């Protein structure tokens, strides 16, 4: 590391925090603007509108921007910033998503509003605050003429909330060209924890085919699909290992037509969670080995894990750096492991160091009371900027 760069890194955390705090009101206004562009995962027109807004803001900050057109989902935004003097082929990847869980019209019921140091509204916490933080982190670096040694790439996808089926390939491709991935998903609650581990997440559908019969006149001729499904769910329940973080939960059940007909069809949708790749693969083997219990019943198991786990070993070194930087700023951050998944699960699983939860601090994700703490916006922007400078 050259002397000039070392000096920049030494003074950067305090200078960056002062710089981002001067931008606090602008960050709030930007958050309001993004929240008011509603962007549900399944509404391509709305998502594309937000993609254009985000792309324009990155262009204003000197980034090279490409809007990746998608016919099967909302458009993605890829940004690249190569400061003078940055070198090397391995980039730092910033990762996040444009979509929210809220349908168009939610904003009329729960509009963007500021009260008591908090900003409320659909998507404030998950994760439009993260989009704002990334923009202003780069803006602060440029304002102070601080130059990261590595190029910065940002990928903002449009379907994270529904499984990232249209964006997973792009995420993994960008990650393979990266030395580290920083995920702008929200922090772990109001404590502001960074997320160093996430469970693998999946879903299976159990489909049972039985045989219909009259429930009163000839029940013995039937094969009760609902009974078979109930026995299978009880079997799955025995696979739960909550102390090890392995959970299966039947969330949707359908079956039968009338009470006087032995049902010939039944289905259940089951949520899957596992904390490690080893546990995930072991559970998948057990699920593939399921067989019918009742004579004459047929069982089909579809689906599986769609997000591998983000294991703590992939975040350990990045978290240590972030924690040290936060101390220099006189900020306190912790680490947490969570049950939900994110796109950081994909990047960690292919072997790229990944640190999640770099976004806003708040709570109430996916609920009418969703909020972000406004003081956290400049703090997290400064933390991100300083980490970009150091990697």
Protein backbone atom coordinates (compact mmCIF):
# COMPACT_ATOMS: atom_id res chain seq x y z
CA UNK A 1 0.00 0.00 0.00
CA UNK A 2 1.45 3.41 -0.93
CA UNK A 3 1.93 6.08 1.74
CA UNK A 4 -0.69 8.43 0.31
CA UNK A 5 -3.35 5.72 0.32
CA UNK A 6 -2.42 4.63 3.84
CA UNK A 7 -2.84 8.21 5.09
CA UNK A 8 -6.21 8.47 3.36
CA UNK A 9 -7.42 5.27 5.03
CA UNK A 10 -6.20 6.46 8.43
CA UNK A 11 -8.25 9.67 8.38
CA UNK A 12 -11.15 8.41 6.26
CA UNK A 13 -13.62 7.06 8.85
CA UNK A 14 -13.94 10.32 10.79
CA UNK A 15 -13.87 12.51 7.68
CA UNK A 16 -16.41 10.34 5.90
CA UNK A 17 -18.81 10.38 8.83
CA UNK A 18 -18.65 14.16 9.00
CA UNK A 19 -19.21 14.34 5.24
CA UNK A 20 -22.20 12.01 5.20
CA UNK A 21 -23.79 13.71 8.20
CA UNK A 22 -23.71 16.96 6.25
CA UNK A 23 -25.80 15.11 3.67
CA UNK A 24 -28.36 13.78 6.15
CA UNK A 25 -31.29 15.87 4.94
CA UNK A 26 -30.53 15.08 1.31
CA UNK A 27 -30.44 11.38 2.16
CA UNK A 28 -33.88 11.65 3.74
CA UNK A 29 -35.23 13.41 0.67
CA UNK A 30 -33.74 10.76 -1.59
CA UNK A 31 -35.29 8.02 0.55
CA UNK A 32 -38.68 9.73 0.25
CA UNK A 33 -38.30 9.90 -3.50
CA UNK A 34 -37.46 6.19 -3.85
CA UNK A 35 -40.20 5.04 -1.47
CA UNK A 36 -42.77 7.02 -3.43
CA UNK A 37 -41.88 5.05 -6.55
CA UNK A 38 -43.73 1.88 -5.57
CA UNK A 39 -42.03 -1.27 -6.82
CA UNK A 40 -43.75 -4.59 -6.08
CA UNK A 41 -41.84 -7.65 -7.26
CA UNK A 42 -44.49 -8.69 -9.78
CA UNK A 43 -45.12 -5.31 -11.43
CA UNK A 44 -42.58 -4.90 -14.22
CA UNK A 45 -43.72 -1.43 -15.24
CA UNK A 46 -43.32 -0.12 -11.69
CA UNK A 47 -39.94 -1.81 -11.23
CA UNK A 48 -38.64 -0.43 -14.51
CA UNK A 49 -39.69 3.05 -13.42
CA UNK A 50 -37.63 2.74 -10.24
CA UNK A 51 -34.71 1.27 -12.20
CA UNK A 52 -34.61 4.41 -14.35
CA UNK A 53 -34.60 6.65 -11.27
CA UNK A 54 -31.78 4.70 -9.62
CA UNK A 55 -29.76 4.58 -12.85
CA UNK A 56 -30.02 8.34 -13.26
CA UNK A 57 -28.80 8.96 -9.71
CA UNK A 58 -25.73 6.79 -10.26
CA UNK A 59 -24.93 8.59 -13.50
CA UNK A 60 -24.99 11.88 -11.57
CA UNK A 61 -22.30 10.43 -9.32
CA UNK A 62 -19.98 9.61 -12.20
CA UNK A 63 -20.66 5.89 -12.52
CA UNK A 64 -20.93 3.93 -15.73
CA UNK A 65 -24.49 2.60 -15.77
CA UNK A 66 -26.20 -0.16 -17.72
CA UNK A 67 -29.88 -0.98 -17.36
CA UNK A 68 -30.19 -4.71 -17.99
CA UNK A 69 -33.46 -5.28 -19.80
CA UNK A 70 -35.50 -8.29 -18.72
CA UNK A 71 -38.65 -9.66 -20.28
CA UNK A 72 -39.31 -12.12 -17.44
CA UNK A 73 -38.91 -9.66 -14.55
CA UNK A 74 -38.22 -6.03 -13.79
CA UNK A 75 -35.07 -4.53 -15.31
CA UNK A 76 -31.82 -4.70 -13.35
CA UNK A 77 -29.35 -1.85 -12.86
CA UNK A 78 -25.61 -2.49 -13.08
CA UNK A 79 -23.29 0.36 -12.11
CA UNK A 80 -19.52 0.55 -12.24
CA UNK A 81 -17.24 3.14 -10.68
CA UNK A 82 -13.53 3.01 -11.47
CA UNK A 83 -11.81 5.84 -9.58
CA UNK A 84 -8.53 7.12 -10.95
CA UNK A 85 -5.78 4.84 -9.69
CA UNK A 86 -8.03 1.85 -8.98
CA UNK A 87 -6.50 -1.32 -10.30
CA UNK A 88 -6.87 -5.06 -10.53
CA UNK A 89 -9.48 -7.23 -12.13
CA UNK A 90 -11.22 -8.20 -8.88
CA UNK A 91 -13.89 -5.66 -7.97
CA UNK A 92 -15.93 -4.99 -4.83
CA UNK A 93 -19.56 -5.91 -5.47
CA UNK A 94 -22.39 -3.94 -3.88
CA UNK A 95 -25.57 -5.97 -3.97
CA UNK A 96 -29.20 -5.08 -3.39
CA UNK A 97 -32.70 -5.13 -4.82
CA UNK A 98 -35.27 -2.71 -6.13
CA UNK A 99 -38.40 -4.73 -5.37
CA UNK A 100 -40.59 -4.67 -2.29
CA UNK A 101 -43.37 -6.91 -0.96
CA UNK A 102 -45.96 -4.12 -1.16
CA UNK A 103 -48.58 -3.88 -3.90
CA UNK A 104 -49.32 -0.67 -5.80
CA UNK A 105 -51.60 1.48 -3.67
CA UNK A 106 -49.99 0.62 -0.34
CA UNK A 107 -48.48 4.11 -0.27
CA UNK A 108 -51.98 5.62 -0.04
CA UNK A 109 -52.61 3.70 3.18
CA UNK A 110 -49.14 4.08 4.69
CA UNK A 111 -47.49 7.11 3.08
CA UNK A 112 -43.89 8.11 3.54
CA UNK A 113 -43.67 10.19 6.70
CA UNK A 114 -41.04 11.33 9.21
CA UNK A 115 -41.74 11.29 12.92
CA UNK A 116 -39.50 11.11 15.96
CA UNK A 117 -36.29 10.56 14.02
CA UNK A 118 -37.81 7.74 12.01
CA UNK A 119 -38.95 7.50 8.40
CA UNK A 120 -41.97 5.29 7.83
CA UNK A 121 -43.36 3.86 4.62
CA UNK A 122 -43.36 0.74 2.44
CA UNK A 123 -39.80 -0.29 1.66
CA UNK A 124 -38.06 2.29 3.87
CA UNK A 125 -36.22 -0.45 5.74
CA UNK A 126 -36.21 -3.29 3.21
CA UNK A 127 -34.40 -1.99 1.32
CA UNK A 128 -34.69 1.44 -0.24
CA UNK A 129 -32.61 2.86 2.58
CA UNK A 130 -29.83 0.56 1.36
CA UNK A 131 -30.08 2.03 -2.14
CA UNK A 132 -29.70 5.51 -0.64
CA UNK A 133 -26.75 4.49 1.53
CA UNK A 134 -24.81 3.12 -1.44
CA UNK A 135 -25.38 6.30 -3.49
CA UNK A 136 -24.19 8.61 -0.74
CA UNK A 137 -21.23 6.44 0.25
CA UNK A 138 -19.80 6.90 -3.23
CA UNK A 139 -20.78 10.58 -3.27
CA UNK A 140 -18.88 11.18 -0.02
CA UNK A 141 -15.78 9.41 -1.32
CA UNK A 142 -15.85 11.57 -4.44
CA UNK A 143 -16.40 14.76 -2.46
CA UNK A 144 -13.35 14.04 -0.28
CA UNK A 145 -11.30 12.84 -3.26
CA UNK A 146 -10.78 9.49 -1.54
CA UNK A 147 -10.08 6.76 -4.05
CA UNK A 148 -10.78 3.05 -3.42
CA UNK A 149 -8.00 0.86 -4.72
CA UNK A 150 -10.46 -1.47 -6.42
CA UNK A 151 -13.25 -0.77 -8.91
CA UNK A 152 -16.75 -0.78 -7.44
CA UNK A 153 -19.63 -2.60 -9.12
CA UNK A 154 -23.22 -2.31 -7.95
CA UNK A 155 -25.96 -4.72 -9.00
CA UNK A 156 -29.54 -3.80 -8.14
CA UNK A 157 -31.93 -6.64 -8.99
CA UNK A 158 -35.71 -6.75 -9.22
CA UNK A 159 -36.93 -10.07 -7.82
CA UNK A 160 -35.14 -10.76 -4.53
CA UNK A 161 -38.38 -10.83 -2.55
CA UNK A 162 -39.75 -13.68 -4.71
CA UNK A 163 -36.68 -15.89 -4.90
CA UNK A 164 -34.28 -14.16 -7.36
CA UNK A 165 -35.09 -16.66 -10.10
CA UNK A 166 -34.47 -14.09 -12.85
CA UNK A 167 -31.36 -12.59 -11.26
CA UNK A 168 -29.42 -15.44 -9.64
CA UNK A 169 -27.23 -16.09 -12.69
CA UNK A 170 -26.23 -12.41 -12.92
CA UNK A 171 -25.53 -12.25 -9.18
CA UNK A 172 -23.25 -15.27 -9.29
CA UNK A 173 -21.50 -14.04 -12.44
CA UNK A 174 -20.70 -10.68 -10.86
CA UNK A 175 -19.62 -12.33 -7.61
CA UNK A 176 -17.10 -14.55 -9.38
CA UNK A 177 -15.35 -11.41 -10.62
CA UNK A 178 -15.27 -9.92 -7.11
CA UNK A 179 -12.95 -10.07 -4.13
CA UNK A 180 -15.76 -9.23 -1.69
CA UNK A 181 -19.52 -8.70 -1.67
CA UNK A 182 -21.23 -6.10 0.53
CA UNK A 183 -24.99 -6.59 0.71
CA UNK A 184 -27.15 -3.50 1.30
CA UNK A 185 -29.99 -5.42 2.90
CA UNK A 186 -31.20 -3.84 6.16
CA UNK A 187 -29.32 -4.31 9.40
CA UNK A 188 -30.36 -6.66 12.17
CA UNK A 189 -32.99 -4.49 13.83
CA UNK A 190 -32.54 -1.27 15.76
CA UNK A 191 -29.18 -2.41 17.17
CA UNK A 192 -27.73 -2.11 13.69
CA UNK A 193 -26.17 -5.57 13.64
CA UNK A 194 -24.42 -6.72 10.52
CA UNK A 195 -25.63 -10.11 9.33
CA UNK A 196 -22.79 -12.58 9.31
CA UNK A 197 -24.88 -15.72 8.75
CA UNK A 198 -28.17 -16.57 7.08
CA UNK A 199 -29.96 -19.88 6.82
CA UNK A 200 -30.44 -21.64 3.54
CA UNK A 201 -34.06 -21.29 2.45
CA UNK A 202 -36.26 -23.53 0.35
CA UNK A 203 -39.71 -24.85 -0.28
CA UNK A 204 -41.11 -28.23 -1.25
CA UNK A 205 -44.56 -29.23 -2.41
CA UNK A 206 -45.88 -32.65 -1.42
CA UNK A 207 -48.42 -33.94 -3.94
CA UNK A 208 -50.44 -37.01 -2.94
CA UNK A 209 -52.63 -39.04 -5.27
CA UNK A 210 -55.09 -41.38 -3.59
CA UNK A 211 -58.29 -43.02 -4.82
CA UNK A 212 -61.78 -41.55 -4.53
CA UNK A 213 -64.67 -43.51 -3.01
CA UNK A 214 -67.98 -42.94 -1.23
CA UNK A 215 -67.12 -42.17 2.40
CA UNK A 216 -70.25 -43.94 3.71
CA UNK A 217 -71.00 -46.76 1.29
CA UNK A 218 -67.56 -47.94 0.25
CA UNK A 219 -64.77 -46.18 2.19
CA UNK A 220 -62.51 -49.24 2.13
CA UNK A 221 -62.23 -48.94 -1.66
CA UNK A 222 -60.67 -45.51 -1.35
CA UNK A 223 -57.19 -44.26 -0.52
CA UNK A 224 -57.45 -41.10 1.53
CA UNK A 225 -54.98 -38.58 0.11
CA UNK A 226 -55.48 -36.22 3.06
CA UNK A 227 -54.62 -38.98 5.52
CA UNK A 228 -51.49 -39.84 3.55
CA UNK A 229 -50.51 -36.18 3.48
CA UNK A 230 -51.07 -35.89 7.24
CA UNK A 231 -48.82 -38.87 7.86
CA UNK A 232 -46.14 -37.35 5.63
CA UNK A 233 -46.32 -34.03 7.49
CA UNK A 234 -45.93 -35.87 10.80
CA UNK A 235 -42.90 -37.62 9.31
CA UNK A 236 -41.42 -34.24 8.27
CA UNK A 237 -42.02 -32.89 11.75
CA UNK A 238 -39.63 -35.52 13.09
CA UNK A 239 -36.91 -34.10 10.81
CA UNK A 240 -36.98 -30.77 12.66
CA UNK A 241 -33.82 -30.10 14.65
CA UNK A 242 -34.43 -26.62 16.09
CA UNK A 243 -31.33 -26.67 18.29
CA UNK A 244 -29.24 -27.13 15.14
CA UNK A 245 -31.30 -24.59 13.19
CA UNK A 246 -32.95 -27.11 10.86
CA UNK A 247 -36.68 -26.43 10.49
CA UNK A 248 -39.53 -27.64 8.29
CA UNK A 249 -42.94 -25.99 8.47
CA UNK A 250 -46.05 -26.91 6.49
CA UNK A 251 -47.64 -23.59 5.61
CA UNK A 252 -50.31 -24.35 2.98
CA UNK A 253 -52.52 -27.45 2.70
CA UNK A 254 -55.18 -28.24 0.12
CA UNK A 255 -57.23 -31.35 -0.49
CA UNK A 256 -60.62 -32.95 -0.86
CA UNK A 257 -63.88 -31.93 -2.49
CA UNK A 258 -66.74 -33.00 -0.19
CA UNK A 259 -66.93 -34.52 3.27
CA UNK A 260 -68.68 -37.62 1.92
CA UNK A 261 -65.97 -38.36 -0.67
CA UNK A 262 -62.71 -40.08 0.20
CA UNK A 263 -60.28 -37.49 -1.19
CA UNK A 264 -58.06 -38.56 -4.06
CA UNK A 265 -55.83 -35.44 -4.11
CA UNK A 266 -54.00 -33.41 -1.49
CA UNK A 267 -51.02 -31.07 -1.48
CA UNK A 268 -48.91 -29.29 1.10
CA UNK A 269 -46.32 -26.55 0.72
CA UNK A 270 -43.50 -26.82 3.26
CA UNK A 271 -40.92 -24.17 4.20
CA UNK A 272 -37.33 -25.40 4.64
CA UNK A 273 -34.45 -23.79 6.59
CA UNK A 274 -30.92 -25.04 7.28
CA UNK A 275 -27.87 -23.18 8.70
CA UNK A 276 -25.07 -24.96 6.81
CA UNK A 277 -24.48 -26.55 3.44
CA UNK A 278 -23.94 -29.87 5.17
CA UNK A 279 -27.28 -29.69 6.97
CA UNK A 280 -29.00 -28.52 3.78
CA UNK A 281 -27.68 -31.42 1.70
CA UNK A 282 -28.52 -33.92 4.41
CA UNK A 283 -32.09 -32.67 4.56
CA UNK A 284 -32.41 -32.78 0.78
CA UNK A 285 -31.35 -36.44 0.78
CA UNK A 286 -34.01 -37.27 3.36
CA UNK A 287 -36.69 -35.47 1.38
CA UNK A 288 -35.77 -37.28 -1.83
CA UNK A 289 -36.08 -40.57 0.07
CA UNK A 290 -39.70 -40.01 1.12
CA UNK A 291 -42.07 -42.82 0.07
CA UNK A 292 -45.85 -43.34 0.45
CA UNK A 293 -47.12 -44.78 3.72
CA UNK A 294 -50.63 -45.95 2.83
CA UNK A 295 -51.01 -48.85 0.36
CA UNK A 296 -52.13 -47.51 -3.01
CA UNK A 297 -51.09 -43.92 -2.36
CA UNK A 298 -48.69 -42.08 -4.68
CA UNK A 299 -46.35 -39.33 -3.48
CA UNK A 300 -44.47 -36.70 -5.50
CA UNK A 301 -42.02 -34.27 -3.90
CA UNK A 302 -41.22 -31.14 -5.89
CA UNK A 303 -38.88 -28.24 -5.16
CA UNK A 304 -36.05 -27.92 -2.68
CA UNK A 305 -33.64 -25.27 -1.44
CA UNK A 306 -33.41 -22.22 -3.68
CA UNK A 307 -30.96 -20.29 -1.48
CA UNK A 308 -27.94 -21.98 0.08
CA UNK A 309 -26.80 -20.84 3.53
CA UNK A 310 -24.53 -17.87 4.14
CA UNK A 311 -22.14 -19.36 6.69
CA UNK A 312 -20.33 -17.18 9.23
CA UNK A 313 -16.90 -18.28 8.02
CA UNK A 314 -17.56 -16.33 4.78
CA UNK A 315 -18.19 -13.10 6.72
CA UNK A 316 -15.69 -13.30 9.57
CA UNK A 317 -12.84 -11.22 8.15
CA UNK A 318 -15.08 -8.58 6.56
CA UNK A 319 -17.01 -8.16 9.79
CA UNK A 320 -13.78 -7.69 11.77
CA UNK A 321 -12.79 -4.84 9.44
CA UNK A 322 -16.23 -3.24 9.61
CA UNK A 323 -16.29 -3.50 13.41
CA UNK A 324 -12.89 -1.81 13.69
CA UNK A 325 -13.95 1.01 11.34
CA UNK A 326 -17.14 1.52 13.35
CA UNK A 327 -15.11 1.85 16.55
CA UNK A 328 -12.98 4.55 14.91
CA UNK A 329 -16.22 6.39 14.16
CA UNK A 330 -17.37 5.80 17.75
CA UNK A 331 -20.27 3.74 16.46
CA UNK A 332 -21.33 0.42 17.92
CA UNK A 333 -22.21 -2.52 15.68
CA UNK A 334 -22.79 -6.17 16.48
CA UNK A 335 -23.17 -9.35 14.51
CA UNK A 336 -26.25 -11.50 14.12
CA UNK A 337 -27.33 -14.72 12.47
CA UNK A 338 -30.81 -14.73 10.96
CA UNK A 339 -33.24 -17.27 9.58
CA UNK A 340 -34.15 -15.39 6.41
CA UNK A 341 -32.16 -15.52 3.21
CA UNK A 342 -30.89 -12.87 0.80
CA UNK A 343 -28.91 -12.69 -2.41
CA UNK A 344 -25.78 -12.74 -0.26
CA UNK A 345 -26.49 -16.44 0.28
CA UNK A 346 -25.65 -17.07 -3.38
CA UNK A 347 -22.37 -15.17 -3.32
CA UNK A 348 -21.12 -16.78 -0.11
CA UNK A 349 -22.00 -20.26 -1.34
CA UNK A 350 -19.70 -19.91 -4.36
CA UNK A 351 -16.81 -18.94 -2.08
CA UNK A 352 -16.75 -15.14 -2.18
CA UNK A 353 -16.37 -13.30 1.17
CA UNK A 354 -19.75 -11.70 1.86
CA UNK A 355 -20.99 -9.28 4.52
CA UNK A 356 -24.73 -8.68 4.75
CA UNK A 357 -26.90 -6.16 6.58
CA UNK A 358 -24.94 -3.08 5.45
CA UNK A 359 -28.17 -1.16 4.86
CA UNK A 360 -30.44 0.93 7.05
CA UNK A 361 -31.14 0.40 10.75
CA UNK A 362 -34.78 0.06 11.70
CA UNK A 363 -37.51 -2.54 11.95
CA UNK A 364 -40.98 -3.70 10.93
CA UNK A 365 -39.91 -5.15 7.59
CA UNK A 366 -42.83 -6.27 5.41
CA UNK A 367 -45.39 -4.66 7.72
CA UNK A 368 -47.44 -1.44 7.85
CA UNK A 369 -45.12 -0.16 10.59
CA UNK A 370 -41.88 -0.53 8.61
CA UNK A 371 -39.38 2.20 9.50
CA UNK A 372 -35.75 3.25 9.31
CA UNK A 373 -33.84 5.37 11.83
CA UNK A 374 -32.80 8.52 9.97
CA UNK A 375 -29.56 8.92 11.95
CA UNK A 376 -28.48 5.55 10.60
CA UNK A 377 -28.41 6.71 6.97
CA UNK A 378 -25.24 8.84 7.17
CA UNK A 379 -23.67 6.45 9.67
CA UNK A 380 -24.10 3.44 7.41
CA UNK A 381 -23.03 5.41 4.33
CA UNK A 382 -19.79 6.39 6.09
CA UNK A 383 -19.21 2.80 7.25
CA UNK A 384 -19.71 1.50 3.72
CA UNK A 385 -17.50 4.16 2.18
CA UNK A 386 -14.67 3.49 4.63
CA UNK A 387 -14.88 -0.24 4.01
CA UNK A 388 -14.75 0.32 0.25
CA UNK A 389 -11.65 2.43 0.75
CA UNK A 390 -9.89 -0.24 2.78
CA UNK A 391 -10.59 -3.42 0.79
